[in-house]
Protein backbone atom coordinates (compact mmCIF):
# COMPACT_ATOMS: atom_id res chain seq x y z
CA UNK A 1 -2.04 25.56 83.65
CA UNK A 2 -0.16 25.71 80.37
CA UNK A 3 -0.43 28.85 78.22
CA UNK A 4 1.18 29.28 74.82
CA UNK A 5 1.47 32.52 72.88
CA UNK A 6 1.82 31.65 69.20
CA UNK A 7 3.55 34.01 66.79
CA UNK A 8 6.76 34.69 64.89
CA UNK A 9 7.84 37.57 67.12
CA UNK A 10 6.14 40.53 65.44
CA UNK A 11 5.15 43.57 67.55
CA UNK A 12 1.56 42.27 67.96
CA UNK A 13 2.89 38.91 69.16
CA UNK A 14 5.21 40.57 71.67
CA UNK A 15 2.34 42.73 72.96
CA UNK A 16 0.14 39.64 73.33
CA UNK A 17 2.90 37.85 75.27
CA UNK A 18 3.23 40.87 77.58
CA UNK A 19 -0.53 41.05 78.23
CA UNK A 20 -0.76 37.31 78.96
CA UNK A 21 2.16 37.45 81.39
CA UNK A 22 0.66 40.49 83.17
CA UNK A 23 -2.72 38.75 83.47
CA UNK A 24 -1.12 35.61 84.93
CA UNK A 25 0.87 37.70 87.43
CA UNK A 26 -2.25 39.64 88.47
CA UNK A 27 -4.39 36.53 88.87
CA UNK A 28 -1.93 34.75 91.15
CA UNK A 29 -2.62 31.49 89.31
CA UNK A 30 0.25 29.06 88.77
CA UNK A 31 0.75 28.88 85.01
CA UNK A 32 3.60 28.39 82.60
CA UNK A 33 3.64 30.86 79.72
CA UNK A 34 5.57 29.79 76.63
CA UNK A 35 6.23 31.79 73.46
CA UNK A 36 6.00 29.53 70.39
CA UNK A 37 7.65 30.88 67.24
CA UNK A 38 8.04 27.67 65.19
CA UNK A 39 5.64 27.91 62.24
CA UNK A 40 5.11 24.13 62.03
CA UNK A 41 4.21 23.96 65.74
CA UNK A 42 1.86 26.94 65.32
CA UNK A 43 0.19 25.26 62.32
CA UNK A 44 -0.20 22.11 64.44
CA UNK A 45 -2.77 24.00 66.51
CA UNK A 46 -4.76 24.75 63.34
CA UNK A 47 -3.80 28.41 63.67
CA UNK A 48 -3.04 30.31 60.48
CA UNK A 49 -3.21 33.84 61.88
CA UNK A 50 -1.08 35.29 64.63
CA UNK A 51 -0.90 36.26 67.37
CA UNK A 52 -2.82 33.41 68.97
CA UNK A 53 -3.26 32.23 72.55
CA UNK A 54 -3.68 28.60 73.61
CA UNK A 55 -4.74 27.71 77.17
CA UNK A 56 -4.37 24.06 78.20
CA UNK A 57 -4.45 22.96 74.55
CA UNK A 58 -7.55 25.01 73.64
CA UNK A 59 -7.15 27.87 71.15
CA UNK A 60 -8.72 30.95 72.77
CA UNK A 61 -7.76 33.79 70.43
CA UNK A 62 -6.47 34.08 66.84
CA UNK A 63 -5.33 37.03 64.79
CA UNK A 64 -5.75 39.78 67.38
CA UNK A 65 -4.26 41.14 70.57
CA UNK A 66 -6.54 40.07 73.43
CA UNK A 67 -7.53 42.49 76.16
CA UNK A 68 -6.20 41.68 79.63
CA UNK A 69 -9.79 41.10 80.87
CA UNK A 70 -10.27 38.44 78.18
CA UNK A 71 -7.11 36.64 79.26
CA UNK A 72 -8.18 36.80 82.91
CA UNK A 73 -11.55 35.24 82.01
CA UNK A 74 -9.78 32.34 80.26
CA UNK A 75 -7.49 31.53 83.19
CA UNK A 76 -9.81 31.94 86.17
């Protein structure tokens, strides 16, 4: 599983990255979590608000910090 957290590195983006990593650790699922800060790469996903979360190429969340339960539902 490939998970990307999109954002320039603002506090909301860092919080989202933390929540995603905690959810992956709790679930026990093998997944790579990557932080994407390049604005052109972020725009390539059609995302114009951050933070955003992409799971296996599918945008799951844009412009808000997801709750851990939401992240768990996306990865299980």
